[in-house]
Amino acid sequence: MSEFHELVRVPFQSCPSIIVNSAFPSKSECLLRLSWALVHSKRPEDVQRGIAMLEGSLPSTSNPLQMREKMYLLAVGYYRSGDYSRSRQLVDRCLEIVPDWRQAITLKKSTEDHIKKDGMIGIGIAATAVGLVAGGLAAALSRKK
């Protein structure tokens, strides 16, 4: 008989003991699953909600495995929201705990690639601005002569 059918046959008074002693996920596991779904959402507001949930639950986390998972999910959330430096900080903390964690290593490489790309874009914008100012000055000086 399936677990569901056994649960249906049990009197209501014994349900709390079944829930505690069964394969039902705990509150912290439910929070972790919901946070995972939110930080992987396509909707930016969901990603922000996932980040807020994880940050709120992090101080009360004593289990090292859950701490690592939550930090990783926070790193994913920050990556997806465009805060690559914060994402990299969190991934580095995860890698301090488990240095050979492939997912974290991959996320770190992606964040570093985005940081480099953003740096190159910033340099390009600055160089363009300097070129425009220099060109404007040269044009102004040539008109005065």
N, C-alpha and C. Protein backbone atom coordinates (compact mmCIF):
# COMPACT_ATOMS: atom_id res chain seq x y z
N MET A 1 0.85 -1.18 0.00
CA MET A 1 0.00 0.00 0.00
C MET A 1 0.89 1.24 0.00
N SER A 2 0.49 2.27 -0.71
CA SER A 2 1.31 3.48 -0.81
C SER A 2 1.29 4.26 0.50
N GLU A 3 2.28 5.15 0.64
CA GLU A 3 2.37 5.98 1.84
C GLU A 3 1.14 6.86 1.98
N PHE A 4 0.60 7.34 0.85
CA PHE A 4 -0.58 8.19 0.90
C PHE A 4 -1.77 7.42 1.48
N HIS A 5 -1.98 6.20 1.00
CA HIS A 5 -3.11 5.40 1.50
C HIS A 5 -2.96 5.09 2.98
N GLU A 6 -1.73 4.83 3.42
CA GLU A 6 -1.51 4.58 4.84
C GLU A 6 -1.81 5.83 5.65
N LEU A 7 -1.46 6.99 5.14
CA LEU A 7 -1.71 8.25 5.84
C LEU A 7 -3.20 8.50 5.96
N VAL A 8 -3.96 8.17 4.94
CA VAL A 8 -5.40 8.40 4.95
C VAL A 8 -6.08 7.51 6.00
N ARG A 9 -5.57 6.30 6.22
CA ARG A 9 -6.19 5.38 7.16
C ARG A 9 -5.88 5.71 8.61
N VAL A 10 -4.88 6.55 8.89
CA VAL A 10 -4.47 6.85 10.26
C VAL A 10 -5.42 7.87 10.89
N PRO A 11 -5.81 7.67 12.15
CA PRO A 11 -6.67 8.66 12.82
C PRO A 11 -5.97 10.01 12.93
N PHE A 12 -6.74 11.08 12.94
CA PHE A 12 -6.22 12.44 12.93
C PHE A 12 -5.29 12.72 14.11
N GLN A 13 -5.55 12.17 15.28
CA GLN A 13 -4.76 12.47 16.46
C GLN A 13 -3.29 12.07 16.29
N SER A 14 -3.01 11.08 15.51
CA SER A 14 -1.63 10.63 15.36
C SER A 14 -0.92 11.28 14.16
N CYS A 15 -1.58 12.18 13.47
CA CYS A 15 -0.96 12.82 12.31
C CYS A 15 0.31 13.59 12.64
N PRO A 16 0.36 14.37 13.74
CA PRO A 16 1.62 15.09 14.02
C PRO A 16 2.82 14.16 14.13
N SER A 17 2.66 12.99 14.73
CA SER A 17 3.79 12.08 14.84
C SER A 17 4.17 11.50 13.48
N ILE A 18 3.19 11.31 12.61
CA ILE A 18 3.48 10.82 11.26
C ILE A 18 4.28 11.87 10.49
N ILE A 19 3.87 13.13 10.61
CA ILE A 19 4.55 14.20 9.89
C ILE A 19 5.98 14.34 10.39
N VAL A 20 6.19 14.27 11.69
CA VAL A 20 7.53 14.40 12.26
C VAL A 20 8.41 13.22 11.86
N ASN A 21 7.84 12.03 11.82
CA ASN A 21 8.64 10.83 11.58
C ASN A 21 8.59 10.33 10.14
N SER A 22 8.07 11.12 9.22
CA SER A 22 7.93 10.63 7.85
C SER A 22 8.89 11.33 6.90
N ALA A 23 8.66 11.09 5.63
CA ALA A 23 9.51 11.65 4.59
C ALA A 23 9.06 13.04 4.16
N PHE A 24 8.11 13.63 4.87
CA PHE A 24 7.67 14.98 4.52
C PHE A 24 8.82 15.95 4.78
N PRO A 25 9.01 16.91 3.90
CA PRO A 25 10.12 17.85 4.11
C PRO A 25 9.88 18.77 5.31
N SER A 26 10.97 19.16 5.95
CA SER A 26 10.89 20.06 7.09
C SER A 26 10.67 21.49 6.60
N LYS A 27 10.41 22.37 7.54
CA LYS A 27 10.20 23.78 7.20
C LYS A 27 11.44 24.37 6.54
N SER A 28 12.61 24.05 7.07
CA SER A 28 13.84 24.60 6.50
C SER A 28 14.09 24.05 5.10
N GLU A 29 13.72 22.78 4.87
CA GLU A 29 13.88 22.21 3.53
C GLU A 29 12.89 22.85 2.56
N CYS A 30 11.68 23.11 3.02
CA CYS A 30 10.69 23.79 2.18
C CYS A 30 11.18 25.19 1.81
N LEU A 31 11.75 25.88 2.80
CA LEU A 31 12.30 27.22 2.56
C LEU A 31 13.41 27.16 1.52
N LEU A 32 14.26 26.15 1.64
CA LEU A 32 15.37 25.99 0.70
C LEU A 32 14.85 25.73 -0.72
N ARG A 33 13.84 24.88 -0.84
CA ARG A 33 13.27 24.57 -2.15
C ARG A 33 12.59 25.79 -2.77
N LEU A 34 11.84 26.52 -1.96
CA LEU A 34 11.19 27.73 -2.46
C LEU A 34 12.23 28.77 -2.86
N SER A 35 13.25 28.94 -2.06
CA SER A 35 14.32 29.89 -2.38
C SER A 35 15.01 29.50 -3.69
N TRP A 36 15.24 28.20 -3.87
CA TRP A 36 15.86 27.73 -5.11
C TRP A 36 15.00 28.14 -6.31
N ALA A 37 13.70 27.89 -6.19
CA ALA A 37 12.79 28.22 -7.29
C ALA A 37 12.77 29.72 -7.55
N LEU A 38 12.79 30.51 -6.50
CA LEU A 38 12.72 31.97 -6.67
C LEU A 38 13.99 32.52 -7.30
N VAL A 39 15.17 32.10 -6.84
CA VAL A 39 16.40 32.65 -7.42
C VAL A 39 16.64 32.17 -8.84
N HIS A 40 15.99 31.09 -9.25
CA HIS A 40 16.11 30.61 -10.62
C HIS A 40 14.97 31.10 -11.52
N SER A 41 14.10 31.92 -10.98
CA SER A 41 12.96 32.44 -11.75
C SER A 41 13.42 33.42 -12.82
N LYS A 42 12.61 33.58 -13.85
CA LYS A 42 12.88 34.56 -14.89
C LYS A 42 12.44 35.96 -14.47
N ARG A 43 11.62 36.03 -13.43
CA ARG A 43 11.09 37.32 -12.98
C ARG A 43 12.03 37.94 -11.95
N PRO A 44 12.55 39.14 -12.22
CA PRO A 44 13.50 39.78 -11.30
C PRO A 44 12.95 39.95 -9.89
N GLU A 45 11.65 40.22 -9.77
CA GLU A 45 11.09 40.40 -8.42
C GLU A 45 11.10 39.09 -7.64
N ASP A 46 10.96 37.96 -8.34
CA ASP A 46 11.05 36.67 -7.66
C ASP A 46 12.48 36.41 -7.19
N VAL A 47 13.44 36.75 -8.02
CA VAL A 47 14.85 36.58 -7.65
C VAL A 47 15.14 37.40 -6.39
N GLN A 48 14.64 38.64 -6.35
CA GLN A 48 14.86 39.49 -5.18
C GLN A 48 14.18 38.89 -3.94
N ARG A 49 12.99 38.32 -4.10
CA ARG A 49 12.31 37.68 -2.97
C ARG A 49 13.12 36.49 -2.47
N GLY A 50 13.67 35.72 -3.39
CA GLY A 50 14.50 34.58 -3.00
C GLY A 50 15.74 35.03 -2.24
N ILE A 51 16.37 36.10 -2.70
CA ILE A 51 17.54 36.65 -2.01
C ILE A 51 17.15 37.08 -0.60
N ALA A 52 16.04 37.79 -0.48
CA ALA A 52 15.59 38.27 0.83
C ALA A 52 15.28 37.10 1.77
N MET A 53 14.63 36.06 1.26
CA MET A 53 14.32 34.90 2.08
C MET A 53 15.60 34.22 2.58
N LEU A 54 16.56 34.06 1.68
CA LEU A 54 17.80 33.40 2.05
C LEU A 54 18.59 34.23 3.05
N GLU A 55 18.68 35.54 2.82
CA GLU A 55 19.41 36.39 3.76
C GLU A 55 18.74 36.39 5.13
N GLY A 56 17.41 36.34 5.14
CA GLY A 56 16.69 36.31 6.40
C GLY A 56 16.88 35.02 7.16
N SER A 57 17.05 33.93 6.46
CA SER A 57 17.17 32.63 7.12
C SER A 57 18.62 32.24 7.43
N LEU A 58 19.57 32.93 6.84
CA LEU A 58 20.98 32.56 7.01
C LEU A 58 21.47 32.64 8.46
N PRO A 59 21.15 33.70 9.22
CA PRO A 59 21.67 33.79 10.59
C PRO A 59 21.20 32.65 11.50
N SER A 60 20.04 32.08 11.24
CA SER A 60 19.52 31.01 12.11
C SER A 60 19.93 29.62 11.63
N THR A 61 20.76 29.54 10.61
CA THR A 61 21.17 28.24 10.06
C THR A 61 22.39 27.73 10.80
N SER A 62 22.25 26.57 11.42
CA SER A 62 23.37 25.99 12.16
C SER A 62 23.98 24.79 11.43
N ASN A 63 23.21 24.17 10.56
CA ASN A 63 23.67 23.01 9.79
C ASN A 63 24.65 23.48 8.71
N PRO A 64 25.92 23.03 8.74
CA PRO A 64 26.91 23.49 7.76
C PRO A 64 26.52 23.20 6.30
N LEU A 65 25.85 22.06 6.07
CA LEU A 65 25.43 21.72 4.71
C LEU A 65 24.38 22.70 4.22
N GLN A 66 23.39 23.02 5.07
CA GLN A 66 22.37 23.99 4.67
C GLN A 66 22.97 25.39 4.52
N MET A 67 23.94 25.73 5.37
CA MET A 67 24.61 27.03 5.26
C MET A 67 25.28 27.15 3.89
N ARG A 68 25.97 26.10 3.50
CA ARG A 68 26.64 26.09 2.20
C ARG A 68 25.64 26.22 1.06
N GLU A 69 24.53 25.46 1.15
CA GLU A 69 23.50 25.51 0.11
C GLU A 69 22.88 26.91 0.02
N LYS A 70 22.60 27.51 1.16
CA LYS A 70 21.98 28.83 1.16
C LYS A 70 22.93 29.88 0.61
N MET A 71 24.21 29.78 0.97
CA MET A 71 25.19 30.74 0.42
C MET A 71 25.30 30.58 -1.09
N TYR A 72 25.28 29.34 -1.55
CA TYR A 72 25.35 29.11 -2.99
C TYR A 72 24.12 29.68 -3.69
N LEU A 73 22.94 29.44 -3.13
CA LEU A 73 21.72 29.98 -3.74
C LEU A 73 21.72 31.50 -3.71
N LEU A 74 22.25 32.09 -2.64
CA LEU A 74 22.39 33.55 -2.60
C LEU A 74 23.32 34.02 -3.72
N ALA A 75 24.40 33.30 -3.92
CA ALA A 75 25.34 33.65 -4.99
C ALA A 75 24.64 33.58 -6.35
N VAL A 76 23.83 32.55 -6.54
CA VAL A 76 23.06 32.43 -7.80
C VAL A 76 22.11 33.62 -7.94
N GLY A 77 21.42 33.95 -6.85
CA GLY A 77 20.49 35.08 -6.89
C GLY A 77 21.18 36.39 -7.24
N TYR A 78 22.30 36.65 -6.59
CA TYR A 78 23.04 37.88 -6.88
C TYR A 78 23.58 37.87 -8.32
N TYR A 79 24.02 36.71 -8.78
CA TYR A 79 24.49 36.60 -10.16
C TYR A 79 23.36 36.94 -11.13
N ARG A 80 22.19 36.36 -10.88
CA ARG A 80 21.05 36.57 -11.78
C ARG A 80 20.52 37.99 -11.71
N SER A 81 20.77 38.68 -10.58
CA SER A 81 20.32 40.06 -10.48
C SER A 81 21.39 41.05 -10.93
N GLY A 82 22.55 40.54 -11.34
CA GLY A 82 23.60 41.40 -11.90
C GLY A 82 24.62 41.90 -10.90
N ASP A 83 24.56 41.47 -9.64
CA ASP A 83 25.54 41.88 -8.63
C ASP A 83 26.64 40.82 -8.59
N TYR A 84 27.53 40.89 -9.58
CA TYR A 84 28.53 39.85 -9.78
C TYR A 84 29.59 39.84 -8.69
N SER A 85 29.95 40.99 -8.16
CA SER A 85 30.98 41.00 -7.13
C SER A 85 30.47 40.35 -5.84
N ARG A 86 29.23 40.61 -5.47
CA ARG A 86 28.65 39.98 -4.28
C ARG A 86 28.51 38.47 -4.52
N SER A 87 28.12 38.09 -5.71
CA SER A 87 28.01 36.68 -6.06
C SER A 87 29.37 35.99 -5.90
N ARG A 88 30.40 36.63 -6.39
CA ARG A 88 31.74 36.04 -6.30
C ARG A 88 32.19 35.89 -4.85
N GLN A 89 31.87 36.87 -4.00
CA GLN A 89 32.23 36.77 -2.58
C GLN A 89 31.58 35.54 -1.94
N LEU A 90 30.31 35.35 -2.23
CA LEU A 90 29.59 34.20 -1.65
C LEU A 90 30.10 32.88 -2.20
N VAL A 91 30.41 32.84 -3.48
CA VAL A 91 30.94 31.60 -4.07
C VAL A 91 32.30 31.28 -3.45
N ASP A 92 33.11 32.31 -3.22
CA ASP A 92 34.40 32.08 -2.57
C ASP A 92 34.22 31.47 -1.18
N ARG A 93 33.22 31.95 -0.44
CA ARG A 93 32.94 31.37 0.89
C ARG A 93 32.51 29.92 0.76
N CYS A 94 31.69 29.61 -0.27
CA CYS A 94 31.29 28.21 -0.49
C CYS A 94 32.50 27.34 -0.79
N LEU A 95 33.41 27.87 -1.60
CA LEU A 95 34.59 27.09 -1.99
C LEU A 95 35.58 26.93 -0.84
N GLU A 96 35.51 27.81 0.16
CA GLU A 96 36.32 27.62 1.36
C GLU A 96 35.84 26.38 2.12
N ILE A 97 34.53 26.15 2.08
CA ILE A 97 33.93 25.01 2.78
C ILE A 97 34.17 23.72 2.00
N VAL A 98 33.88 23.78 0.68
CA VAL A 98 34.04 22.60 -0.20
C VAL A 98 34.82 23.05 -1.45
N PRO A 99 36.14 22.94 -1.41
CA PRO A 99 36.97 23.48 -2.51
C PRO A 99 36.73 22.85 -3.89
N ASP A 100 36.24 21.63 -3.96
CA ASP A 100 36.07 20.97 -5.26
C ASP A 100 34.61 20.88 -5.70
N TRP A 101 33.77 21.79 -5.23
CA TRP A 101 32.35 21.80 -5.59
C TRP A 101 32.22 22.36 -7.00
N ARG A 102 31.88 21.48 -7.94
CA ARG A 102 31.86 21.86 -9.37
C ARG A 102 30.89 22.99 -9.69
N GLN A 103 29.70 22.94 -9.12
CA GLN A 103 28.72 24.00 -9.40
C GLN A 103 29.26 25.36 -8.97
N ALA A 104 29.87 25.41 -7.80
CA ALA A 104 30.41 26.67 -7.30
C ALA A 104 31.58 27.14 -8.15
N ILE A 105 32.41 26.21 -8.59
CA ILE A 105 33.55 26.56 -9.44
C ILE A 105 33.04 27.15 -10.76
N THR A 106 32.02 26.53 -11.33
CA THR A 106 31.44 27.02 -12.58
C THR A 106 30.83 28.40 -12.40
N LEU A 107 30.10 28.59 -11.29
CA LEU A 107 29.50 29.90 -11.02
C LEU A 107 30.58 30.96 -10.82
N LYS A 108 31.65 30.60 -10.14
CA LYS A 108 32.75 31.55 -9.93
C LYS A 108 33.35 31.98 -11.26
N LYS A 109 33.57 31.03 -12.16
CA LYS A 109 34.12 31.37 -13.47
C LYS A 109 33.18 32.30 -14.23
N SER A 110 31.89 32.02 -14.18
CA SER A 110 30.90 32.87 -14.85
C SER A 110 30.88 34.27 -14.27
N THR A 111 30.96 34.38 -12.94
CA THR A 111 30.96 35.71 -12.32
C THR A 111 32.22 36.47 -12.70
N GLU A 112 33.35 35.79 -12.70
CA GLU A 112 34.60 36.46 -13.08
C GLU A 112 34.57 36.91 -14.53
N ASP A 113 33.99 36.09 -15.40
CA ASP A 113 33.85 36.49 -16.81
C ASP A 113 32.99 37.74 -16.95
N HIS A 114 31.90 37.80 -16.19
CA HIS A 114 31.02 38.99 -16.24
C HIS A 114 31.72 40.22 -15.67
N ILE A 115 32.49 40.03 -14.61
CA ILE A 115 33.21 41.15 -14.01
C ILE A 115 34.24 41.69 -15.01
N LYS A 116 34.95 40.80 -15.68
CA LYS A 116 35.93 41.22 -16.70
C LYS A 116 35.23 41.94 -17.84
N LYS A 117 34.11 41.38 -18.30
CA LYS A 117 33.36 41.98 -19.40
C LYS A 117 32.87 43.37 -19.01
N ASP A 118 32.31 43.49 -17.80
CA ASP A 118 31.84 44.79 -17.33
C ASP A 118 32.99 45.78 -17.21
N GLY A 119 34.15 45.30 -16.79
CA GLY A 119 35.34 46.16 -16.70
C GLY A 119 35.76 46.65 -18.07
N MET A 120 35.71 45.78 -19.06
CA MET A 120 36.09 46.17 -20.42
C MET A 120 35.09 47.17 -20.99
N ILE A 121 33.82 46.96 -20.70
CA ILE A 121 32.80 47.91 -21.16
C ILE A 121 33.03 49.26 -20.50
N GLY A 122 33.36 49.26 -19.22
CA GLY A 122 33.64 50.50 -18.50
C GLY A 122 34.84 51.23 -19.08
N ILE A 123 35.87 50.48 -19.40
CA ILE A 123 37.06 51.08 -20.01
C ILE A 123 36.72 51.65 -21.38
N GLY A 124 35.92 50.93 -22.14
CA GLY A 124 35.50 51.39 -23.46
C GLY A 124 34.68 52.68 -23.38
N ILE A 125 33.78 52.74 -22.42
CA ILE A 125 32.97 53.95 -22.23
C ILE A 125 33.86 55.12 -21.83
N ALA A 126 34.79 54.88 -20.92
CA ALA A 126 35.70 55.94 -20.48
C ALA A 126 36.56 56.43 -21.64
N ALA A 127 37.07 55.50 -22.43
CA ALA A 127 37.92 55.88 -23.57
C ALA A 127 37.11 56.68 -24.59
N THR A 128 35.86 56.29 -24.82
CA THR A 128 35.00 57.02 -25.74
C THR A 128 34.74 58.43 -25.23
N ALA A 129 34.49 58.54 -23.93
CA ALA A 129 34.25 59.86 -23.34
C ALA A 129 35.47 60.75 -23.47
N VAL A 130 36.64 60.20 -23.20
CA VAL A 130 37.89 60.97 -23.34
C VAL A 130 38.08 61.39 -24.79
N GLY A 131 37.80 60.49 -25.71
CA GLY A 131 37.93 60.81 -27.14
C GLY A 131 36.97 61.91 -27.55
N LEU A 132 35.75 61.88 -27.07
CA LEU A 132 34.78 62.93 -27.39
C LEU A 132 35.20 64.28 -26.83
N VAL A 133 35.69 64.28 -25.62
CA VAL A 133 36.14 65.54 -25.01
C VAL A 133 37.34 66.08 -25.77
N ALA A 134 38.29 65.22 -26.09
CA ALA A 134 39.48 65.65 -26.84
C ALA A 134 39.09 66.16 -28.22
N GLY A 135 38.16 65.46 -28.87
CA GLY A 135 37.70 65.90 -30.19
C GLY A 135 36.98 67.23 -30.10
N GLY A 136 36.17 67.43 -29.07
CA GLY A 136 35.48 68.70 -28.88
C GLY A 136 36.45 69.84 -28.63
N LEU A 137 37.48 69.58 -27.83
CA LEU A 137 38.50 70.60 -27.58
C LEU A 137 39.28 70.94 -28.84
N ALA A 138 39.63 69.93 -29.61
CA ALA A 138 40.37 70.15 -30.85
C ALA A 138 39.52 70.95 -31.82
N ALA A 139 38.23 70.67 -31.91
CA ALA A 139 37.34 71.41 -32.81
C ALA A 139 37.19 72.86 -32.34
N ALA A 140 37.10 73.05 -31.03
CA ALA A 140 36.97 74.41 -30.51
C ALA A 140 38.23 75.21 -30.75
N LEU A 141 39.38 74.60 -30.59
CA LEU A 141 40.65 75.29 -30.81
C LEU A 141 40.85 75.60 -32.29
N SER A 142 40.43 74.72 -33.18
CA SER A 142 40.59 74.97 -34.61
C SER A 142 39.69 76.08 -35.09
N ARG A 143 38.55 76.30 -34.47
CA ARG A 143 37.64 77.40 -34.84
C ARG A 143 38.21 78.74 -34.41
N LYS A 144 38.92 78.79 -33.31
CA LYS A 144 39.48 80.04 -32.81
C LYS A 144 40.61 80.54 -33.70
N LYS A 145 41.28 79.68 -34.40
CA LYS A 145 42.42 80.10 -35.24
C LYS A 145 41.97 80.60 -36.53
